[in-house]
Amino acid sequence: MTKRVTPRTRTSGARPSVRPRDPFALYEVAVQGVDWDLDFLERVWRYRHPGHAPKLFREDFCGTAALSAAWAARGRDRRAWGVDLDARPLEWARRHRLPWLRDAAGRVKLVRGDVRHARRPQVDVPSCSAICGRRAPGSSQAACSCSTCTAARARRRSSPSARASGR
C-alpha cells in the first residue's frame, strides 16, 4: 500500500519573493559570507585607523549588493554604494534585497557602471569581490583593473618600503 503524496498548496495567492532556483539567491548562499567579509574589513579599518569608525562603503562588482546592504543595515550613520556593469543583478537587488532593509535602503545607492571609472564619493572602505590579487595567466600584471584595486596598487608602489626596495 503506497501513500499518495500531494504537493502543498499555498492558501494565499501571494507569490514567494524569490524563485526556488533563482541563480542570484543560490550564488549568495553558496559563495558569499557577508558577515565574515564585513567583520574582516572593519577589523582592518580599525587597525589602520584607531579611534575612527568607518561610515562610507563602496562595493565594486557588487552583483546583488549583499555587502552594501549589510553595511548600511549595521548603523544609521553608514552609507554604501554598489557598482556593477550588469543590470540584471542590480535589478534583482532592488526587487529582493532593498525592500527588506526598510529605512536603511535609502542609504544604499546602486550604480550601473564600469568599476574602472569610479567617480566620487571617496569612501572609507572600498571593497572588490572580483579576482583581486590574482595574476592574469602568463602575466605579471594583476588581473583586476577596478578602481579599488588600481588605487591599492598605486598606494603600494608609492609607499616608502616599495621605493626603498626599488619595486
Protein backbone atom coordinates (compact mmCIF):
# COMPACT_ATOMS: atom_id res chain seq x y z
CA MET A 1 0.00 0.00 0.00
CA THR A 2 1.55 3.26 -1.08
CA LYS A 3 0.56 6.59 0.28
CA ARG A 4 -0.23 9.23 -2.27
CA VAL A 5 1.69 12.44 -1.69
CA THR A 6 0.07 15.62 -2.83
CA PRO A 7 2.05 18.80 -3.29
CA ARG A 8 1.49 21.56 -0.77
CA THR A 9 -0.53 24.48 -1.94
CA ARG A 10 -0.42 27.97 -0.57
CA THR A 11 -3.61 29.17 0.98
CA SER A 12 -2.95 32.75 -0.03
CA GLY A 13 -2.38 34.00 -3.54
CA ALA A 14 0.95 35.55 -2.54
CA ARG A 15 3.96 34.56 -4.59
CA PRO A 16 7.29 33.93 -2.95
CA SER A 17 9.75 36.81 -3.36
CA VAL A 18 12.49 34.53 -4.76
CA ARG A 19 12.07 31.66 -7.20
CA PRO A 20 13.20 28.26 -5.87
CA ARG A 21 16.06 28.08 -8.38
CA ASP A 22 16.97 31.74 -8.54
CA PRO A 23 20.64 31.88 -9.64
CA PHE A 24 21.32 35.08 -7.70
CA ALA A 25 19.91 33.68 -4.46
CA LEU A 26 21.81 30.41 -4.94
CA TYR A 27 25.04 32.33 -5.58
CA GLU A 28 24.66 34.22 -2.32
CA VAL A 29 24.05 31.08 -0.32
CA ALA A 30 26.87 29.14 -1.95
CA VAL A 31 29.60 31.76 -2.25
CA GLN A 32 29.15 34.80 -0.07
CA GLY A 33 29.97 35.15 3.61
CA VAL A 34 28.67 38.67 4.12
CA ASP A 35 29.08 38.95 7.89
CA TRP A 36 32.56 37.45 7.79
CA ASP A 37 33.62 39.78 4.97
CA LEU A 38 32.32 42.91 6.68
CA ASP A 39 33.80 41.92 10.05
CA PHE A 40 37.17 41.43 8.35
CA LEU A 41 37.01 44.77 6.51
CA GLU A 42 36.08 46.55 9.74
CA ARG A 43 38.93 44.90 11.66
CA VAL A 44 41.42 46.04 9.02
CA TRP A 45 39.95 49.56 9.06
CA ARG A 46 40.11 49.82 12.86
CA TYR A 47 43.69 48.53 12.88
CA ARG A 48 44.77 51.16 10.36
CA HIS A 49 42.58 53.98 11.76
CA PRO A 50 42.36 53.52 15.54
CA GLY A 51 39.63 55.52 17.21
CA HIS A 52 37.69 56.19 13.99
CA ALA A 53 34.62 54.30 12.82
CA PRO A 54 34.17 53.66 9.09
CA LYS A 55 30.97 55.08 7.63
CA LEU A 56 31.19 55.05 3.82
CA PHE A 57 31.50 51.81 1.83
CA ARG A 58 31.79 51.01 -1.88
CA GLU A 59 31.36 47.52 -3.28
CA ASP A 60 32.87 47.09 -6.75
CA PHE A 61 31.39 44.21 -8.78
CA CYS A 62 28.52 44.27 -6.27
CA GLY A 63 26.18 41.89 -8.11
CA THR A 64 23.23 41.50 -5.75
CA ALA A 65 24.68 44.13 -3.37
CA ALA A 66 24.70 41.83 -0.35
CA LEU A 67 27.71 43.56 1.22
CA SER A 68 26.41 47.06 0.52
CA ALA A 69 23.02 46.27 2.02
CA ALA A 70 24.50 44.63 5.11
CA TRP A 71 26.88 47.59 5.58
CA ALA A 72 24.00 50.10 5.57
CA ALA A 73 21.97 47.89 7.91
CA ARG A 74 24.76 47.95 10.52
CA GLY A 75 24.09 51.54 11.52
CA ARG A 76 22.14 54.71 10.77
CA ASP A 77 25.34 56.62 10.07
CA ARG A 78 26.52 54.17 7.39
CA ARG A 79 26.06 54.62 3.65
CA ALA A 80 27.00 52.27 0.83
CA TRP A 81 27.47 52.37 -2.93
CA GLY A 82 27.31 49.23 -5.04
CA VAL A 83 28.76 49.40 -8.56
CA ASP A 84 28.24 46.77 -11.26
CA LEU A 85 28.14 46.77 -15.05
CA ASP A 86 25.42 44.11 -15.32
CA ALA A 87 21.90 45.48 -14.86
CA ARG A 88 20.30 42.10 -14.03
CA PRO A 89 21.78 41.57 -10.56
CA LEU A 90 21.26 45.24 -9.73
CA GLU A 91 17.59 44.94 -10.62
CA TRP A 92 17.39 41.75 -8.54
CA ALA A 93 18.87 43.65 -5.58
CA ARG A 94 16.33 46.44 -6.00
CA ARG A 95 13.44 43.96 -6.03
CA HIS A 96 14.57 41.40 -3.46
CA ARG A 97 17.14 42.99 -1.17
CA LEU A 98 16.36 46.67 -0.70
CA PRO A 99 12.71 46.22 0.38
CA TRP A 100 13.88 44.20 3.40
CA LEU A 101 16.20 46.99 4.53
CA ARG A 102 13.37 49.43 5.24
CA ASP A 103 14.95 52.78 6.20
CA ALA A 104 18.48 51.51 5.51
CA ALA A 105 17.53 51.10 1.83
CA GLY A 106 17.74 54.87 1.48
CA ARG A 107 21.41 54.68 2.44
CA VAL A 108 22.30 52.21 -0.35
CA LYS A 109 22.91 53.54 -3.84
CA LEU A 110 23.19 51.01 -6.66
CA VAL A 111 25.07 52.26 -9.71
CA ARG A 112 25.24 50.59 -13.09
CA GLY A 113 28.69 51.46 -14.32
CA ASP A 114 32.22 50.39 -15.07
CA VAL A 115 34.21 49.97 -11.86
CA ARG A 116 37.38 51.00 -13.69
CA HIS A 117 35.98 54.51 -13.95
CA ALA A 118 34.56 55.03 -10.48
CA ARG A 119 33.51 58.53 -9.61
CA ARG A 120 33.14 60.21 -6.27
CA PRO A 121 32.39 59.93 -3.43
CA GLN A 122 35.55 58.86 -1.74
CA VAL A 123 34.74 56.14 0.74
CA ASP A 124 36.30 54.84 3.93
CA VAL A 125 36.13 51.18 2.95
CA PRO A 126 36.36 50.21 -0.72
CA SER A 127 35.71 46.55 -1.44
CA CYS A 128 36.25 44.46 -4.53
CA SER A 129 34.82 40.97 -4.69
CA ALA A 130 36.38 40.07 -8.03
CA ILE A 131 39.60 38.22 -8.70
CA CYS A 132 41.76 40.71 -6.86
CA GLY A 133 45.29 39.75 -6.00
CA ARG A 134 45.43 37.06 -8.64
CA ARG A 135 47.56 37.36 -11.72
CA ALA A 136 46.35 37.12 -15.26
CA PRO A 137 47.52 33.79 -16.74
CA GLY A 138 51.04 34.12 -18.15
CA SER A 139 51.37 37.69 -16.95
CA SER A 140 52.97 39.57 -14.10
CA GLN A 141 50.09 42.08 -14.15
CA ALA A 142 47.25 41.87 -11.67
CA ALA A 143 44.07 40.61 -13.30
CA CYS A 144 41.69 43.12 -11.73
CA SER A 145 41.57 46.67 -13.03
CA CYS A 146 38.77 48.11 -10.89
CA SER A 147 39.31 51.46 -9.20
CA THR A 148 39.68 49.83 -5.77
CA CYS A 149 42.49 47.50 -6.85
CA THR A 150 44.17 50.09 -9.05
CA ALA A 151 44.28 52.56 -6.16
CA ALA A 152 45.63 49.88 -3.81
CA ARG A 153 48.42 49.02 -6.26
CA ALA A 154 49.29 52.72 -6.62
CA ARG A 155 49.48 53.11 -2.83
CA ARG A 156 51.75 50.08 -2.58
CA ARG A 157 54.05 51.41 -5.34
CA SER A 158 54.31 54.83 -3.67
CA SER A 159 54.88 53.51 -0.14
CA PRO A 160 58.31 54.19 1.40
CA SER A 161 59.11 50.46 1.64
CA ALA A 162 58.33 49.96 -2.08
CA ARG A 163 60.53 52.90 -3.08
CA ALA A 164 63.39 51.63 -0.88
CA SER A 165 63.24 48.16 -2.41
CA GLY A 166 63.09 49.51 -5.97
CA ARG A 167 59.74 47.85 -6.83
